[in-house]
Amino acid sequence: MMIPARRNIKSSRIAYTLVEMVVVLGIIGLLLGLLFPSFSAMLLKAKSEYCMTNLRNIGTAVSLAATDNNGQYPEINQAATNVYPPGSGATNLIGTLGSYGISTNVIQCPVDLYSGASSSFTLYGSSYEWNPVFDDEVTVTPILYLNANTKIPVNNSRVRLCTDFLPIHHGRMNALYGDGHVIAR
């Protein structure tokens, strides 16, 4: 019996050269460079949507508070505006709407929180500014008083109740309206 002779075949290995590795890393770097700006924009958009959800939650709580208050918007005092004198019974957003599910997390805009020490939440205790013009007005047909003789009924979809303090969402502010819708303006 004859034994076949052994062949001296070099095993072929797949190996990458340095040039090939640099090209692959360059392509990956280029793709990441193209995707990073869109990822940042997507992250800011998500934070803006979270802010809009906070305002919708405030709108729901205002609606519930109005139902308990004979259909009238509640009186809310902000530290930034201080419209009502002490002892009037008007409190801040959490004091007025806390029993309707509004907590510290709801009155914090995620974009505002990244402003640090100069954030509205740090300065005023809320990222949102309450518009006291329609406080204690009937929610279905609020009236705008221009002077003693001029009263204008206003559609509640035109009544701006609450907004961001500053235009921090790409130069825009999110705003809550009387009928519960929220838009960036």
N, C-alpha and C. Protein backbone atom coordinates (compact mmCIF):
# COMPACT_ATOMS: atom_id res chain seq x y z
N MET A 1 0.81 -1.16 0.00
CA MET A 1 0.00 0.00 0.00
C MET A 1 0.87 1.23 0.00
N MET A 2 0.47 2.07 -0.85
CA MET A 2 1.26 3.25 -1.01
C MET A 2 0.65 4.42 -0.25
N ILE A 3 1.46 5.09 0.44
CA ILE A 3 1.01 6.25 1.20
C ILE A 3 1.27 7.49 0.36
N PRO A 4 0.19 8.29 0.20
CA PRO A 4 0.39 9.48 -0.61
C PRO A 4 1.35 10.45 0.05
N ALA A 5 2.08 11.09 -0.75
CA ALA A 5 3.05 12.06 -0.23
C ALA A 5 2.34 13.29 0.32
N ARG A 6 2.87 13.81 1.36
CA ARG A 6 2.29 15.01 1.98
C ARG A 6 2.61 16.21 1.14
N ARG A 7 1.60 16.99 1.01
CA ARG A 7 1.82 18.23 0.30
C ARG A 7 2.18 19.31 1.28
N ASN A 8 3.02 20.14 0.90
CA ASN A 8 3.44 21.23 1.75
C ASN A 8 2.68 22.49 1.33
N ILE A 9 1.39 22.54 1.70
CA ILE A 9 0.55 23.68 1.32
C ILE A 9 0.50 24.64 2.50
N LYS A 10 0.77 25.88 2.19
CA LYS A 10 0.66 26.89 3.25
C LYS A 10 -0.81 27.16 3.49
N SER A 11 -1.20 27.21 4.73
CA SER A 11 -2.60 27.53 5.01
C SER A 11 -2.81 29.01 4.74
N SER A 12 -3.88 29.30 4.04
CA SER A 12 -4.13 30.71 3.70
C SER A 12 -4.99 31.32 4.80
N ARG A 13 -4.54 32.42 5.32
CA ARG A 13 -5.27 33.15 6.34
C ARG A 13 -5.76 34.44 5.73
N ILE A 14 -6.95 34.86 6.21
CA ILE A 14 -7.47 36.14 5.77
C ILE A 14 -6.93 37.18 6.72
N ALA A 15 -6.21 38.11 6.20
CA ALA A 15 -5.64 39.17 7.01
C ALA A 15 -5.88 40.50 6.33
N TYR A 16 -6.08 41.52 7.14
CA TYR A 16 -6.30 42.86 6.61
C TYR A 16 -5.00 43.64 6.69
N THR A 17 -4.79 44.38 5.67
CA THR A 17 -3.61 45.24 5.70
C THR A 17 -3.94 46.51 6.45
N LEU A 18 -2.94 47.24 6.79
CA LEU A 18 -3.11 48.49 7.52
C LEU A 18 -3.93 49.49 6.70
N VAL A 19 -3.73 49.53 5.43
CA VAL A 19 -4.46 50.44 4.54
C VAL A 19 -5.95 50.10 4.54
N GLU A 20 -6.26 48.83 4.47
CA GLU A 20 -7.67 48.42 4.49
C GLU A 20 -8.33 48.80 5.82
N MET A 21 -7.63 48.63 6.91
CA MET A 21 -8.18 48.99 8.22
C MET A 21 -8.42 50.49 8.32
N VAL A 22 -7.50 51.30 7.82
CA VAL A 22 -7.65 52.75 7.85
C VAL A 22 -8.84 53.18 7.00
N VAL A 23 -9.01 52.55 5.85
CA VAL A 23 -10.15 52.87 4.97
C VAL A 23 -11.46 52.55 5.67
N VAL A 24 -11.56 51.39 6.30
CA VAL A 24 -12.78 51.00 7.01
C VAL A 24 -13.07 51.96 8.16
N LEU A 25 -12.06 52.30 8.94
CA LEU A 25 -12.27 53.25 10.05
C LEU A 25 -12.65 54.63 9.52
N GLY A 26 -12.09 55.02 8.40
CA GLY A 26 -12.45 56.31 7.79
C GLY A 26 -13.91 56.34 7.36
N ILE A 27 -14.38 55.26 6.79
CA ILE A 27 -15.79 55.18 6.36
C ILE A 27 -16.71 55.22 7.57
N ILE A 28 -16.37 54.48 8.61
CA ILE A 28 -17.18 54.50 9.84
C ILE A 28 -17.20 55.90 10.44
N GLY A 29 -16.05 56.56 10.48
CA GLY A 29 -15.99 57.94 11.00
C GLY A 29 -16.83 58.89 10.17
N LEU A 30 -16.79 58.73 8.86
CA LEU A 30 -17.60 59.58 7.98
C LEU A 30 -19.09 59.38 8.22
N LEU A 31 -19.51 58.13 8.35
CA LEU A 31 -20.92 57.85 8.62
C LEU A 31 -21.36 58.42 9.96
N LEU A 32 -20.53 58.28 10.98
CA LEU A 32 -20.87 58.84 12.29
C LEU A 32 -20.94 60.37 12.22
N GLY A 33 -20.04 60.96 11.46
CA GLY A 33 -20.06 62.42 11.28
C GLY A 33 -21.32 62.90 10.59
N LEU A 34 -21.85 62.10 9.68
CA LEU A 34 -23.09 62.47 9.00
C LEU A 34 -24.31 62.25 9.89
N LEU A 35 -24.26 61.24 10.74
CA LEU A 35 -25.41 60.92 11.58
C LEU A 35 -25.49 61.74 12.85
N PHE A 36 -24.38 62.22 13.37
CA PHE A 36 -24.38 62.91 14.65
C PHE A 36 -25.26 64.16 14.68
N PRO A 37 -25.22 65.06 13.69
CA PRO A 37 -26.10 66.23 13.74
C PRO A 37 -27.58 65.85 13.73
N SER A 38 -27.95 64.84 12.96
CA SER A 38 -29.36 64.44 12.94
C SER A 38 -29.75 63.80 14.27
N PHE A 39 -28.81 63.10 14.91
CA PHE A 39 -29.09 62.52 16.22
C PHE A 39 -29.30 63.62 17.25
N SER A 40 -28.49 64.68 17.22
CA SER A 40 -28.65 65.80 18.15
C SER A 40 -29.99 66.49 17.94
N ALA A 41 -30.37 66.70 16.69
CA ALA A 41 -31.65 67.33 16.39
C ALA A 41 -32.80 66.45 16.86
N MET A 42 -32.65 65.15 16.68
CA MET A 42 -33.70 64.21 17.11
C MET A 42 -33.84 64.24 18.64
N LEU A 43 -32.73 64.34 19.34
CA LEU A 43 -32.75 64.39 20.80
C LEU A 43 -33.43 65.67 21.28
N LEU A 44 -33.13 66.82 20.66
CA LEU A 44 -33.79 68.08 21.03
C LEU A 44 -35.29 68.03 20.72
N LYS A 45 -35.66 67.41 19.62
CA LYS A 45 -37.08 67.28 19.27
C LYS A 45 -37.81 66.41 20.30
N ALA A 46 -37.16 65.36 20.76
CA ALA A 46 -37.76 64.49 21.78
C ALA A 46 -37.97 65.25 23.08
N LYS A 47 -36.99 66.08 23.46
CA LYS A 47 -37.14 66.88 24.68
C LYS A 47 -38.26 67.90 24.53
N SER A 48 -38.41 68.47 23.35
CA SER A 48 -39.49 69.43 23.10
C SER A 48 -40.85 68.73 23.18
N GLU A 49 -40.93 67.52 22.66
CA GLU A 49 -42.18 66.75 22.76
C GLU A 49 -42.50 66.39 24.20
N TYR A 50 -41.48 66.10 24.99
CA TYR A 50 -41.68 65.82 26.41
C TYR A 50 -42.24 67.06 27.11
N CYS A 51 -41.72 68.23 26.74
CA CYS A 51 -42.22 69.49 27.29
C CYS A 51 -43.69 69.68 26.92
N MET A 52 -44.04 69.37 25.67
CA MET A 52 -45.44 69.49 25.24
C MET A 52 -46.35 68.55 26.04
N THR A 53 -45.83 67.36 26.33
CA THR A 53 -46.60 66.42 27.15
C THR A 53 -46.82 66.97 28.55
N ASN A 54 -45.78 67.61 29.11
CA ASN A 54 -45.94 68.25 30.43
C ASN A 54 -47.05 69.30 30.38
N LEU A 55 -47.06 70.12 29.34
CA LEU A 55 -48.09 71.16 29.22
C LEU A 55 -49.48 70.55 29.04
N ARG A 56 -49.57 69.45 28.29
CA ARG A 56 -50.87 68.78 28.15
C ARG A 56 -51.36 68.26 29.50
N ASN A 57 -50.45 67.73 30.30
CA ASN A 57 -50.81 67.26 31.65
C ASN A 57 -51.29 68.42 32.51
N ILE A 58 -50.63 69.56 32.40
CA ILE A 58 -51.08 70.76 33.13
C ILE A 58 -52.46 71.16 32.64
N GLY A 59 -52.69 71.08 31.33
CA GLY A 59 -54.01 71.40 30.77
C GLY A 59 -55.11 70.49 31.29
N THR A 60 -54.80 69.21 31.42
CA THR A 60 -55.78 68.27 31.97
C THR A 60 -56.08 68.61 33.43
N ALA A 61 -55.05 68.92 34.19
CA ALA A 61 -55.24 69.28 35.59
C ALA A 61 -56.04 70.58 35.72
N VAL A 62 -55.78 71.56 34.84
CA VAL A 62 -56.54 72.82 34.87
C VAL A 62 -58.01 72.54 34.55
N SER A 63 -58.25 71.66 33.60
CA SER A 63 -59.63 71.31 33.26
C SER A 63 -60.34 70.65 34.44
N LEU A 64 -59.65 69.76 35.14
CA LEU A 64 -60.24 69.13 36.32
C LEU A 64 -60.47 70.13 37.44
N ALA A 65 -59.51 71.04 37.64
CA ALA A 65 -59.67 72.06 38.67
C ALA A 65 -60.82 73.00 38.32
N ALA A 66 -60.98 73.32 37.04
CA ALA A 66 -62.09 74.19 36.63
C ALA A 66 -63.44 73.50 36.86
N THR A 67 -63.48 72.21 36.63
CA THR A 67 -64.72 71.46 36.87
C THR A 67 -65.10 71.52 38.35
N ASP A 68 -64.11 71.43 39.23
CA ASP A 68 -64.36 71.52 40.66
C ASP A 68 -64.62 72.95 41.13
N ASN A 69 -64.34 73.93 40.27
CA ASN A 69 -64.48 75.35 40.63
C ASN A 69 -65.60 76.02 39.82
N ASN A 70 -66.72 75.32 39.66
CA ASN A 70 -67.88 75.84 38.93
C ASN A 70 -67.54 76.26 37.50
N GLY A 71 -66.65 75.53 36.84
CA GLY A 71 -66.32 75.80 35.45
C GLY A 71 -65.44 77.01 35.23
N GLN A 72 -64.73 77.45 36.27
CA GLN A 72 -63.87 78.63 36.14
C GLN A 72 -62.40 78.22 36.27
N TYR A 73 -61.55 78.92 35.49
CA TYR A 73 -60.12 78.68 35.59
C TYR A 73 -59.65 79.00 37.00
N PRO A 74 -58.70 78.21 37.53
CA PRO A 74 -58.19 78.50 38.89
C PRO A 74 -57.28 79.73 38.88
N GLU A 75 -57.14 80.32 40.04
CA GLU A 75 -56.20 81.43 40.22
C GLU A 75 -54.85 80.83 40.59
N ILE A 76 -53.83 81.12 39.78
CA ILE A 76 -52.50 80.58 40.00
C ILE A 76 -51.51 81.73 40.05
N ASN A 77 -50.72 81.76 41.09
CA ASN A 77 -49.72 82.81 41.27
C ASN A 77 -48.34 82.24 40.96
N GLN A 78 -47.57 82.93 40.17
CA GLN A 78 -46.21 82.54 39.85
C GLN A 78 -45.23 83.43 40.59
N ALA A 79 -44.11 82.87 40.97
CA ALA A 79 -43.08 83.66 41.65
C ALA A 79 -42.55 84.75 40.73
N ALA A 80 -42.58 84.50 39.42
CA ALA A 80 -42.04 85.49 38.47
C ALA A 80 -42.98 86.68 38.30
N THR A 81 -44.29 86.45 38.42
CA THR A 81 -45.25 87.53 38.17
C THR A 81 -45.86 88.09 39.44
N ASN A 82 -46.16 87.23 40.42
CA ASN A 82 -46.79 87.64 41.68
C ASN A 82 -47.94 88.61 41.47
N VAL A 83 -48.93 88.17 40.73
CA VAL A 83 -50.09 89.00 40.43
C VAL A 83 -50.98 89.18 41.65
N TYR A 84 -51.16 88.12 42.40
CA TYR A 84 -52.07 88.17 43.55
C TYR A 84 -51.33 88.51 44.83
N PRO A 85 -51.93 89.30 45.69
CA PRO A 85 -51.26 89.65 46.95
C PRO A 85 -51.25 88.45 47.89
N PRO A 86 -50.31 88.43 48.82
CA PRO A 86 -50.28 87.34 49.81
C PRO A 86 -51.61 87.28 50.56
N GLY A 87 -52.04 86.07 50.84
CA GLY A 87 -53.30 85.89 51.56
C GLY A 87 -54.52 85.81 50.65
N SER A 88 -54.33 85.94 49.34
CA SER A 88 -55.47 85.90 48.42
C SER A 88 -55.94 84.48 48.15
N GLY A 89 -55.13 83.50 48.50
CA GLY A 89 -55.51 82.11 48.25
C GLY A 89 -54.91 81.56 46.98
N ALA A 90 -54.38 82.42 46.13
CA ALA A 90 -53.74 81.95 44.90
C ALA A 90 -52.36 81.41 45.22
N THR A 91 -52.07 80.20 44.73
CA THR A 91 -50.77 79.59 44.96
C THR A 91 -50.10 79.27 43.62
N ASN A 92 -48.93 78.68 43.68
CA ASN A 92 -48.21 78.33 42.45
C ASN A 92 -48.85 77.12 41.77
N LEU A 93 -48.26 76.68 40.65
CA LEU A 93 -48.83 75.56 39.88
C LEU A 93 -48.99 74.30 40.72
N ILE A 94 -47.97 73.94 41.48
CA ILE A 94 -48.07 72.72 42.30
C ILE A 94 -49.07 72.90 43.42
N GLY A 95 -49.09 74.06 44.05
CA GLY A 95 -50.04 74.30 45.13
C GLY A 95 -51.48 74.23 44.66
N THR A 96 -51.75 74.74 43.47
CA THR A 96 -53.11 74.75 42.94
C THR A 96 -53.48 73.43 42.28
N LEU A 97 -52.54 72.84 41.54
CA LEU A 97 -52.87 71.67 40.72
C LEU A 97 -52.26 70.37 41.25
N GLY A 98 -51.59 70.42 42.40
CA GLY A 98 -50.96 69.23 42.96
C GLY A 98 -51.94 68.11 43.25
N SER A 99 -53.13 68.46 43.70
CA SER A 99 -54.13 67.43 44.01
C SER A 99 -54.71 66.80 42.74
N TYR A 100 -54.36 67.36 41.57
CA TYR A 100 -54.83 66.81 40.29
C TYR A 100 -53.70 66.10 39.55
N GLY A 101 -52.62 65.77 40.26
CA GLY A 101 -51.54 64.98 39.69
C GLY A 101 -50.33 65.75 39.20
N ILE A 102 -50.31 67.05 39.37
CA ILE A 102 -49.15 67.84 38.94
C ILE A 102 -48.07 67.77 40.01
N SER A 103 -46.88 67.35 39.58
CA SER A 103 -45.75 67.23 40.51
C SER A 103 -44.58 68.06 39.98
N THR A 104 -43.50 68.04 40.71
CA THR A 104 -42.31 68.79 40.32
C THR A 104 -41.81 68.35 38.95
N ASN A 105 -41.89 67.06 38.64
CA ASN A 105 -41.43 66.56 37.35
C ASN A 105 -42.23 67.15 36.19
N VAL A 106 -43.51 67.42 36.41
CA VAL A 106 -44.36 67.93 35.33
C VAL A 106 -44.08 69.39 35.04
N ILE A 107 -43.65 70.15 36.01
CA ILE A 107 -43.40 71.58 35.78
C ILE A 107 -41.94 71.86 35.41
N GLN A 108 -41.21 70.81 35.04
CA GLN A 108 -39.82 70.96 34.61
C GLN A 108 -39.71 70.62 33.13
N CYS A 109 -39.35 71.59 32.31
CA CYS A 109 -39.08 71.35 30.90
C CYS A 109 -37.67 70.76 30.79
N PRO A 110 -37.50 69.63 30.10
CA PRO A 110 -36.17 69.02 30.02
C PRO A 110 -35.13 69.92 29.34
N VAL A 111 -35.53 70.73 28.38
CA VAL A 111 -34.59 71.63 27.73
C VAL A 111 -34.19 72.75 28.69
N ASP A 112 -35.15 73.25 29.47
CA ASP A 112 -34.87 74.30 30.44
C ASP A 112 -33.90 73.83 31.51
N LEU A 113 -34.00 72.57 31.92
CA LEU A 113 -33.14 72.05 32.98
C LEU A 113 -31.67 72.04 32.58
N TYR A 114 -31.39 71.94 31.27
CA TYR A 114 -30.00 71.95 30.81
C TYR A 114 -29.40 73.35 30.79
N SER A 115 -30.20 74.37 31.13
CA SER A 115 -29.68 75.73 31.20
C SER A 115 -28.88 75.96 32.49
N GLY A 116 -28.97 75.04 33.42
CA GLY A 116 -28.20 75.14 34.67
C GLY A 116 -28.75 76.16 35.62
N ALA A 117 -27.87 76.98 36.19
CA ALA A 117 -28.25 77.95 37.22
C ALA A 117 -29.16 79.05 36.67
N SER A 118 -29.13 79.27 35.37
CA SER A 118 -29.97 80.32 34.79
C SER A 118 -31.30 79.78 34.28
N SER A 119 -31.63 78.53 34.59
CA SER A 119 -32.89 77.96 34.12
C SER A 119 -34.07 78.61 34.82
N SER A 120 -35.18 78.66 34.13
CA SER A 120 -36.41 79.22 34.70
C SER A 120 -36.84 78.43 35.93
N PHE A 121 -36.64 77.10 35.87
CA PHE A 121 -37.02 76.28 37.02
C PHE A 121 -36.21 76.66 38.25
N THR A 122 -34.93 76.90 38.07
CA THR A 122 -34.08 77.30 39.19
C THR A 122 -34.47 78.68 39.71
N LEU A 123 -34.76 79.60 38.79
CA LEU A 123 -35.07 80.97 39.19
C LEU A 123 -36.48 81.13 39.76
N TYR A 124 -37.46 80.44 39.16
CA TYR A 124 -38.87 80.68 39.51
C TYR A 124 -39.59 79.48 40.11
N GLY A 125 -38.97 78.32 40.13
CA GLY A 125 -39.61 77.14 40.67
C GLY A 125 -40.49 76.42 39.67
N SER A 126 -40.49 76.87 38.42
CA SER A 126 -41.26 76.24 37.35
C SER A 126 -40.64 76.63 36.02
N SER A 127 -40.68 75.71 35.07
CA SER A 127 -40.20 76.02 33.72
C SER A 127 -41.29 76.71 32.91
N TYR A 128 -42.50 76.77 33.46
CA TYR A 128 -43.64 77.30 32.72
C TYR A 128 -44.22 78.53 33.40
N GLU A 129 -44.63 79.46 32.58
CA GLU A 129 -45.22 80.70 33.07
C GLU A 129 -46.74 80.65 32.86
N TRP A 130 -47.48 80.87 33.92
CA TRP A 130 -48.93 80.88 33.88
C TRP A 130 -49.40 82.27 33.48
N ASN A 131 -50.36 82.33 32.56
CA ASN A 131 -50.93 83.60 32.12
C ASN A 131 -52.16 83.89 32.98
N PRO A 132 -52.08 84.87 33.87
CA PRO A 132 -53.19 85.09 34.81
C PRO A 132 -54.35 85.93 34.24
N VAL A 133 -54.31 86.29 32.97
CA VAL A 133 -55.34 87.16 32.40
C VAL A 133 -56.73 86.55 32.53
N PHE A 134 -56.85 85.23 32.38
CA PHE A 134 -58.16 84.60 32.38
C PHE A 134 -58.45 83.85 33.67
N ASP A 135 -57.67 84.08 34.72
CA ASP A 135 -57.95 83.44 36.00
C ASP A 135 -59.36 83.80 36.46
N ASP A 136 -60.04 82.81 36.99
CA ASP A 136 -61.38 82.96 37.55
C ASP A 136 -62.43 83.28 36.49
N GLU A 137 -62.10 83.09 35.20
CA GLU A 137 -63.08 83.26 34.12
C GLU A 137 -63.71 81.91 33.82
N VAL A 138 -64.91 81.92 33.25
CA VAL A 138 -65.59 80.69 32.87
C VAL A 138 -64.83 80.06 31.71
N THR A 139 -64.54 78.77 31.81
CA THR A 139 -63.70 78.10 30.82
C THR A 139 -64.37 77.98 29.45
N VAL A 140 -65.69 77.92 29.40
CA VAL A 140 -66.36 77.75 28.12
C VAL A 140 -66.35 79.05 27.32
N THR A 141 -66.64 80.16 27.96
CA THR A 141 -66.66 81.46 27.27
C THR A 141 -65.97 82.51 28.14
N PRO A 142 -64.65 82.48 28.20
CA PRO A 142 -63.96 83.50 28.99
C PRO A 142 -64.14 84.88 28.37
N ILE A 143 -64.06 85.91 29.21
CA ILE A 143 -64.25 87.28 28.73
C ILE A 143 -62.95 88.06 28.98
N LEU A 144 -62.55 88.80 27.96
CA LEU A 144 -61.39 89.66 28.06
C LEU A 144 -61.89 91.08 28.31
N TYR A 145 -61.48 91.67 29.42
CA TYR A 145 -61.90 93.02 29.79
C TYR A 145 -60.84 94.01 29.33
N LEU A 146 -61.18 94.82 28.34
CA LEU A 146 -60.23 95.82 27.85
C LEU A 146 -60.29 97.09 28.68
N ASN A 147 -61.47 97.51 29.05
CA ASN A 147 -61.66 98.61 29.99
C ASN A 147 -63.03 98.42 30.63
N ALA A 148 -63.50 99.39 31.40
CA ALA A 148 -64.75 99.23 32.14
C ALA A 148 -65.95 99.00 31.22
N ASN A 149 -65.91 99.52 30.02
CA ASN A 149 -67.06 99.42 29.11
C ASN A 149 -66.88 98.39 28.01
N THR A 150 -65.70 97.84 27.84
CA THR A 150 -65.46 96.93 26.72
C THR A 150 -65.12 95.53 27.22
N LYS A 151 -66.00 94.58 26.91
CA LYS A 151 -65.79 93.18 27.25
C LYS A 151 -65.88 92.38 25.96
N ILE A 152 -64.92 91.51 25.75
CA ILE A 152 -64.90 90.69 24.53
C ILE A 152 -64.92 89.22 24.93
N PRO A 153 -65.96 88.48 24.52
CA PRO A 153 -65.91 87.03 24.75
C PRO A 153 -64.86 86.40 23.84
N VAL A 154 -64.12 85.45 24.38
CA VAL A 154 -63.01 84.84 23.66
C VAL A 154 -63.24 83.34 23.59
N ASN A 155 -62.97 82.76 22.42
CA ASN A 155 -63.04 81.32 22.26
C ASN A 155 -61.89 80.72 23.07
N ASN A 156 -62.17 79.68 23.87
CA ASN A 156 -61.12 79.16 24.75
C ASN A 156 -59.96 78.51 23.98
N SER A 157 -60.13 78.23 22.70
CA SER A 157 -59.00 77.72 21.91
C SER A 157 -58.01 78.84 21.59
N ARG A 158 -58.38 80.09 21.87
CA ARG A 158 -57.50 81.24 21.66
C ARG A 158 -56.88 81.74 22.96
N VAL A 159 -57.29 81.16 24.08
CA VAL A 159 -56.81 81.58 25.39
C VAL A 159 -55.50 80.86 25.71
N ARG A 160 -54.41 81.58 25.76
CA ARG A 160 -53.10 81.00 26.09
C ARG A 160 -52.98 80.98 27.61
N LEU A 161 -52.94 79.78 28.18
CA LEU A 161 -52.90 79.64 29.63
C LEU A 161 -51.48 79.57 30.19
N CYS A 162 -50.61 78.83 29.52
CA CYS A 162 -49.30 78.54 30.08
C CYS A 162 -48.29 78.39 28.95
N THR A 163 -47.09 78.94 29.14
CA THR A 163 -46.02 78.85 28.13
C THR A 163 -44.68 78.62 28.82
N ASP A 164 -43.69 78.29 28.01
CA ASP A 164 -42.32 78.32 28.52
C ASP A 164 -41.99 79.77 28.85
N PHE A 165 -41.09 79.98 29.80
CA PHE A 165 -40.66 81.35 30.11
C PHE A 165 -39.90 81.97 28.95
N LEU A 166 -39.06 81.16 28.31
CA LEU A 166 -38.19 81.66 27.25
C LEU A 166 -38.34 80.78 26.00
N PRO A 167 -38.03 81.32 24.83
CA PRO A 167 -38.08 80.51 23.60
C PRO A 167 -36.87 79.58 23.51
N ILE A 168 -36.93 78.45 24.18
CA ILE A 168 -35.78 77.55 24.29
C ILE A 168 -35.86 76.35 23.35
N HIS A 169 -36.93 76.24 22.58
CA HIS A 169 -37.09 75.12 21.65
C HIS A 169 -36.84 75.62 20.23
N HIS A 170 -35.58 75.68 19.85
CA HIS A 170 -35.19 76.19 18.52
C HIS A 170 -35.75 77.58 18.28
N GLY A 171 -35.70 78.44 19.30
CA GLY A 171 -36.20 79.80 19.17
C GLY A 171 -37.72 79.90 19.31
N ARG A 172 -38.36 78.84 19.73
CA ARG A 172 -39.82 78.83 19.88
C ARG A 172 -40.18 78.46 21.32
N MET A 173 -41.41 78.81 21.69
CA MET A 173 -41.93 78.45 23.02
C MET A 173 -43.12 77.52 22.83
N ASN A 174 -43.24 76.52 23.69
CA ASN A 174 -44.42 75.68 23.70
C ASN A 174 -45.49 76.40 24.51
N ALA A 175 -46.74 76.34 24.03
CA ALA A 175 -47.82 77.05 24.69
C ALA A 175 -49.05 76.15 24.84
N LEU A 176 -49.67 76.21 26.02
CA LEU A 176 -50.91 75.49 26.33
C LEU A 176 -52.07 76.44 26.18
N TYR A 177 -53.12 76.00 25.48
CA TYR A 177 -54.30 76.82 25.28
C TYR A 177 -55.49 76.26 26.07
N GLY A 178 -56.51 77.08 26.21
CA GLY A 178 -57.66 76.77 27.05
C GLY A 178 -58.41 75.51 26.68
N ASP A 179 -58.37 75.12 25.42
CA ASP A 179 -59.07 73.90 25.02
C ASP A 179 -58.18 72.66 25.17
N GLY A 180 -56.95 72.84 25.67
CA GLY A 180 -56.06 71.72 25.95
C GLY A 180 -55.02 71.45 24.88
N HIS A 181 -55.08 72.13 23.74
CA HIS A 181 -54.06 71.87 22.73
C HIS A 181 -52.78 72.61 23.04
N VAL A 182 -51.67 72.05 22.61
CA VAL A 182 -50.34 72.62 22.85
C VAL A 182 -49.65 72.77 21.50
N ILE A 183 -49.06 73.94 21.26
CA ILE A 183 -48.31 74.17 20.03
C ILE A 183 -46.99 74.86 20.35
N ALA A 184 -46.07 74.78 19.42
CA ALA A 184 -44.83 75.54 19.50
C ALA A 184 -45.04 76.81 18.73
N ARG A 185 -44.77 77.96 19.34
CA ARG A 185 -44.99 79.23 18.67
C ARG A 185 -43.79 80.12 18.84
